[in-house]
């Protein structure tokens, strides 16, 4: 708790803004934060106890405006961090007064009805990372020992997102996000398994943050950008550069959707 408090106190000392909503921006989706007006920028490396993002395309900083707090880049389990580090930011957000979290990511399309460039509302997830961020001693000041996960993706927020998409003529998919550790992409056999188990998209993030947010009583909306079709769906080799390129391709649609959702929240 001392580490979380020190980080939160530092952030509050560097900005006058006190937003109630936060957005975690996934690979290729960070440009949204660059458009925020009168925002304060705080690098992760300057925040006490805060882990630093090492992935290409993740700027590793908070961009904080009057109405929203954005993470340009997240911490991944595959970077070698403990789950406590992966979810550190979420607990700091709780101390900062965040009530709503929009968690975005770049994901591989498993559902064959999807195509690269689609946006998918996450209706549920499957944690296949082999661990859970709540393992260990529970801090009752954040949440209960055994938190309910039946509605960790807020139905009310999903409805707001669907209404926004309808108003802005944006096609939205819906589906289940399947989380694996990475950093290697999935094999074709693993993708077939994911489809059988009920996954519509697969990625290497988001689930630890959502579990932690649900534990803290934060309302969550999840959005995946389908940046590529998963292994075996097509014969095309997978690469991080493709993920970034697709993120650039869909950024205007993504930003339009996100701005509309934030207006409704």
Protein backbone atom coordinates (compact mmCIF):
# COMPACT_ATOMS: atom_id res chain seq x y z
CA UNK A 1 0.00 0.00 0.00
CA UNK A 2 2.88 2.37 0.72
CA UNK A 3 4.13 1.90 -2.86
CA UNK A 4 0.70 2.51 -4.37
CA UNK A 5 0.19 5.59 -2.20
CA UNK A 6 3.60 7.04 -3.09
CA UNK A 7 2.87 6.64 -6.80
CA UNK A 8 -0.62 8.16 -6.48
CA UNK A 9 0.66 11.08 -4.43
CA UNK A 10 3.36 11.82 -7.02
CA UNK A 11 0.83 11.81 -9.87
CA UNK A 12 -1.51 14.13 -7.95
CA UNK A 13 1.38 16.49 -7.33
CA UNK A 14 2.04 16.78 -11.08
CA UNK A 15 -1.48 17.53 -12.30
CA UNK A 16 -4.48 19.54 -11.19
CA UNK A 17 -6.85 17.29 -13.12
CA UNK A 18 -8.95 14.74 -11.22
CA UNK A 19 -10.77 12.66 -13.87
CA UNK A 20 -13.06 9.76 -12.92
CA UNK A 21 -12.45 7.78 -16.13
CA UNK A 22 -9.25 6.10 -17.36
CA UNK A 23 -8.28 4.49 -20.65
CA UNK A 24 -5.52 1.94 -21.21
CA UNK A 25 -4.37 2.30 -24.81
CA UNK A 26 -3.11 -0.89 -26.48
CA UNK A 27 -0.54 -1.39 -29.23
CA UNK A 28 -1.07 1.01 -32.14
CA UNK A 29 -3.90 2.86 -30.36
CA UNK A 30 -1.94 5.47 -28.41
CA UNK A 31 -2.71 8.41 -30.70
CA UNK A 32 -5.99 9.07 -28.92
CA UNK A 33 -4.13 10.56 -25.95
CA UNK A 34 -2.14 12.92 -28.17
CA UNK A 35 -5.37 14.76 -29.02
CA UNK A 36 -6.33 15.59 -25.45
CA UNK A 37 -6.36 19.32 -24.74
CA UNK A 38 -4.62 20.97 -21.78
CA UNK A 39 -3.29 17.59 -20.69
CA UNK A 40 -0.46 16.90 -18.28
CA UNK A 41 2.09 14.24 -19.26
CA UNK A 42 3.83 12.08 -16.68
CA UNK A 43 6.39 9.46 -17.70
CA UNK A 44 6.18 6.10 -15.94
CA UNK A 45 9.92 6.20 -15.25
CA UNK A 46 9.46 9.31 -13.09
CA UNK A 47 6.76 7.82 -10.85
CA UNK A 48 7.97 6.15 -7.64
CA UNK A 49 7.76 2.34 -7.72
CA UNK A 50 6.10 2.37 -11.16
CA UNK A 51 7.11 -0.34 -13.70
CA UNK A 52 8.26 0.84 -17.12
CA UNK A 53 6.83 -0.43 -20.40
CA UNK A 54 9.48 -1.95 -22.70
CA UNK A 55 7.38 -2.80 -25.79
CA UNK A 56 7.82 -0.97 -29.09
CA UNK A 57 4.91 1.39 -29.73
CA UNK A 58 4.14 1.91 -26.04
CA UNK A 59 5.26 5.42 -25.04
CA UNK A 60 5.16 4.58 -21.35
CA UNK A 61 3.42 7.62 -19.92
CA UNK A 62 0.18 8.99 -18.47
CA UNK A 63 -1.64 11.71 -20.37
CA UNK A 64 -4.14 13.31 -18.00
CA UNK A 65 -6.85 15.78 -18.95
CA UNK A 66 -9.84 17.17 -17.09
CA UNK A 67 -12.11 14.29 -18.09
CA UNK A 68 -9.87 11.29 -18.78
CA UNK A 69 -6.63 9.70 -17.66
CA UNK A 70 -4.85 7.77 -20.43
CA UNK A 71 -2.11 5.20 -20.23
CA UNK A 72 -0.05 5.33 -23.41
CA UNK A 73 1.30 1.83 -23.09
CA UNK A 74 0.76 -0.89 -20.52
CA UNK A 75 2.90 -3.40 -18.63
CA UNK A 76 2.78 -7.00 -19.89
CA UNK A 77 3.42 -10.23 -18.03
CA UNK A 78 5.68 -11.43 -20.85
CA UNK A 79 8.06 -8.53 -20.21
CA UNK A 80 9.20 -10.44 -17.13
CA UNK A 81 7.22 -8.48 -14.58
CA UNK A 82 5.25 -10.01 -11.72
CA UNK A 83 1.48 -9.76 -11.86
CA UNK A 84 1.66 -7.20 -9.06
CA UNK A 85 3.63 -4.98 -11.46
CA UNK A 86 1.34 -5.71 -14.42
CA UNK A 87 -1.64 -4.47 -12.41
CA UNK A 88 0.14 -1.80 -10.36
CA UNK A 89 -1.39 1.03 -12.39
CA UNK A 90 -4.95 -0.15 -11.78
CA UNK A 91 -4.60 0.03 -8.02
CA UNK A 92 -2.95 3.44 -8.31
CA UNK A 93 -5.92 4.54 -10.43
CA UNK A 94 -8.27 3.38 -7.70
CA UNK A 95 -6.45 5.60 -5.20
CA UNK A 96 -6.68 8.47 -7.68
CA UNK A 97 -10.47 8.18 -7.72
CA UNK A 98 -10.96 6.40 -11.05
CA UNK A 99 -14.45 4.89 -11.27
CA UNK A 100 -14.53 3.70 -14.91
CA UNK A 101 -11.79 1.97 -16.90
CA UNK A 102 -11.80 1.47 -20.65
CA UNK A 103 -9.24 -1.25 -21.41
CA UNK A 104 -8.23 -1.48 -25.06
CA UNK A 105 -5.89 -3.87 -26.82
CA UNK A 106 -4.65 -5.20 -30.12
CA UNK A 107 -5.84 -8.77 -30.61
CA UNK A 108 -5.73 -11.61 -33.09
CA UNK A 109 -9.00 -12.59 -34.70
CA UNK A 110 -10.04 -16.18 -33.91
CA UNK A 111 -13.66 -15.90 -35.00
CA UNK A 112 -13.61 -16.45 -38.77
CA UNK A 113 -16.38 -13.86 -39.19
CA UNK A 114 -13.88 -11.19 -38.12
CA UNK A 115 -11.30 -9.42 -40.27
CA UNK A 116 -8.34 -7.19 -39.60
CA UNK A 117 -9.49 -3.69 -38.70
CA UNK A 118 -12.64 -4.76 -36.84
CA UNK A 119 -13.38 -3.38 -33.38
CA UNK A 120 -14.74 -5.89 -30.85
CA UNK A 121 -16.51 -5.13 -27.61
CA UNK A 122 -15.34 -7.62 -25.01
CA UNK A 123 -18.35 -9.31 -23.41
CA UNK A 124 -16.31 -11.75 -21.33
CA UNK A 125 -12.84 -13.27 -21.11
CA UNK A 126 -11.05 -16.56 -20.59
CA UNK A 127 -7.90 -16.36 -18.48
CA UNK A 128 -5.42 -18.86 -19.93
CA UNK A 129 -2.33 -17.14 -18.52
CA UNK A 130 -1.79 -19.77 -15.84
CA UNK A 131 -1.94 -17.27 -13.00
CA UNK A 132 -4.16 -14.61 -11.44
CA UNK A 133 -3.21 -11.11 -10.24
CA UNK A 134 -5.10 -11.62 -6.97
CA UNK A 135 -3.00 -14.58 -5.82
CA UNK A 136 -1.38 -13.78 -2.48
CA UNK A 137 -2.50 -11.87 0.58
CA UNK A 138 -5.70 -9.89 -0.01
CA UNK A 139 -5.84 -6.20 0.83
CA UNK A 140 -9.42 -5.67 2.02
CA UNK A 141 -9.10 -1.93 1.45
CA UNK A 142 -9.13 -2.63 -2.30
CA UNK A 143 -11.68 -5.43 -2.46
CA UNK A 144 -12.93 -8.80 -1.16
CA UNK A 145 -10.92 -12.02 -1.03
CA UNK A 146 -13.25 -13.72 -3.54
CA UNK A 147 -14.53 -11.07 -5.98
CA UNK A 148 -17.42 -11.80 -8.34
CA UNK A 149 -16.49 -11.88 -12.04
CA UNK A 150 -19.93 -12.50 -13.53
CA UNK A 151 -20.16 -8.89 -14.75
CA UNK A 152 -16.55 -7.73 -14.84
CA UNK A 153 -17.40 -6.13 -18.21
CA UNK A 154 -20.16 -3.65 -17.43
CA UNK A 155 -23.36 -4.30 -19.35
CA UNK A 156 -24.32 -0.65 -18.99
CA UNK A 157 -21.05 0.46 -20.57
CA UNK A 158 -21.43 -2.08 -23.39
CA UNK A 159 -24.86 -0.59 -24.11
CA UNK A 160 -23.37 2.92 -24.19
CA UNK A 161 -20.68 1.72 -26.62
CA UNK A 162 -23.23 0.05 -28.88
CA UNK A 163 -25.39 3.19 -28.89
CA UNK A 164 -22.36 5.33 -29.73
CA UNK A 165 -21.37 3.03 -32.60
CA UNK A 166 -24.90 3.16 -33.98
CA UNK A 167 -24.95 6.97 -33.86
CA UNK A 168 -21.58 7.22 -35.58
CA UNK A 169 -22.23 4.45 -38.10
CA UNK A 170 -19.36 2.30 -36.80
CA UNK A 171 -19.66 -1.47 -37.07
CA UNK A 172 -18.85 -3.22 -33.81
CA UNK A 173 -18.30 -6.91 -33.21
CA UNK A 174 -18.83 -8.51 -29.82
CA UNK A 175 -17.03 -11.49 -28.37
CA UNK A 176 -14.91 -13.27 -25.78
CA UNK A 177 -11.27 -12.26 -25.30
CA UNK A 178 -8.88 -15.15 -24.66
CA UNK A 179 -5.69 -14.21 -22.77
CA UNK A 180 -2.38 -16.06 -23.15
CA UNK A 181 1.02 -15.01 -21.84
CA UNK A 182 2.97 -14.52 -25.08
CA UNK A 183 5.35 -13.18 -26.22
CA UNK A 184 5.26 -15.82 -28.97
CA UNK A 185 2.17 -15.76 -31.11
CA UNK A 186 -0.17 -18.74 -30.88
CA UNK A 187 0.28 -21.82 -33.02
CA UNK A 188 -2.49 -22.85 -35.45
CA UNK A 189 -3.33 -25.75 -33.12
CA UNK A 190 -3.64 -23.37 -30.16
CA UNK A 191 -5.93 -21.12 -32.19
CA UNK A 192 -8.17 -24.09 -33.01
CA UNK A 193 -8.26 -24.87 -29.27
CA UNK A 194 -9.19 -21.26 -28.47
CA UNK A 195 -12.06 -21.38 -30.94
CA UNK A 196 -13.35 -24.64 -29.47
CA UNK A 197 -13.16 -23.19 -25.95
CA UNK A 198 -15.20 -20.15 -26.94
CA UNK A 199 -12.66 -17.43 -27.68
CA UNK A 200 -13.35 -14.91 -30.45
CA UNK A 201 -10.08 -12.96 -30.15
CA UNK A 202 -6.74 -13.70 -28.52
CA UNK A 203 -4.15 -11.45 -26.93
CA UNK A 204 -1.45 -11.09 -24.29
CA UNK A 205 -2.89 -8.45 -21.95
CA UNK A 206 -6.04 -6.86 -20.50
CA UNK A 207 -7.34 -9.76 -18.39
CA UNK A 208 -5.05 -9.13 -15.36
CA UNK A 209 -6.03 -5.45 -15.41
CA UNK A 210 -9.74 -6.24 -15.69
CA UNK A 211 -9.62 -8.76 -12.83
CA UNK A 212 -7.86 -6.20 -10.65
CA UNK A 213 -10.26 -3.43 -11.64
CA UNK A 214 -13.25 -5.65 -10.82
CA UNK A 215 -11.65 -6.45 -7.46
CA UNK A 216 -11.34 -2.70 -6.81
CA UNK A 217 -14.95 -1.99 -7.76
CA UNK A 218 -14.05 -0.13 -10.96
CA UNK A 219 -16.51 -0.39 -13.86
CA UNK A 220 -14.85 -1.79 -16.99
CA UNK A 221 -15.43 -1.57 -20.73
CA UNK A 222 -13.15 -3.68 -22.94
CA UNK A 223 -12.44 -2.99 -26.62
CA UNK A 224 -10.21 -5.12 -28.86
CA UNK A 225 -8.86 -3.90 -32.18
CA UNK A 226 -8.54 -6.97 -34.41
CA UNK A 227 -5.17 -6.13 -35.90
CA UNK A 228 -4.56 -9.48 -37.59
CA UNK A 229 -6.17 -12.85 -38.01
CA UNK A 230 -4.69 -15.46 -35.68
CA UNK A 231 -2.36 -18.22 -36.87
CA UNK A 232 -3.98 -20.77 -39.15
CA UNK A 233 -6.93 -18.56 -40.09
CA UNK A 234 -4.86 -17.29 -43.01
CA UNK A 235 -1.44 -18.34 -44.30
CA UNK A 236 0.06 -14.92 -43.57
CA UNK A 237 2.92 -14.88 -41.00
CA UNK A 238 2.25 -12.79 -37.88
CA UNK A 239 4.35 -9.79 -36.89
CA UNK A 240 4.25 -6.88 -34.45
CA UNK A 241 4.72 -4.46 -37.36
CA UNK A 242 1.39 -5.67 -38.80
CA UNK A 243 -0.25 -5.00 -35.44
CA UNK A 244 1.06 -1.43 -35.43
CA UNK A 245 0.11 -0.84 -39.08
CA UNK A 246 -3.48 -1.95 -38.53
CA UNK A 247 -3.70 0.23 -35.43
CA UNK A 248 -2.75 3.22 -37.59
CA UNK A 249 -5.29 2.18 -40.23
CA UNK A 250 -8.22 2.10 -37.80
CA UNK A 251 -7.18 4.91 -35.48
CA UNK A 252 -9.72 7.46 -36.75
CA UNK A 253 -12.59 5.00 -36.30
CA UNK A 254 -11.25 3.99 -32.89
CA UNK A 255 -10.82 7.60 -31.73
CA UNK A 256 -14.30 8.53 -32.96
CA UNK A 257 -15.82 5.64 -31.03
CA UNK A 258 -13.82 6.34 -27.88
CA UNK A 259 -14.66 10.05 -27.85
CA UNK A 260 -18.36 9.25 -28.23
CA UNK A 261 -18.29 6.71 -25.41
CA UNK A 262 -16.51 9.15 -23.10
CA UNK A 263 -19.14 11.79 -23.82
CA UNK A 264 -21.85 9.37 -22.71
CA UNK A 265 -19.95 8.33 -19.59
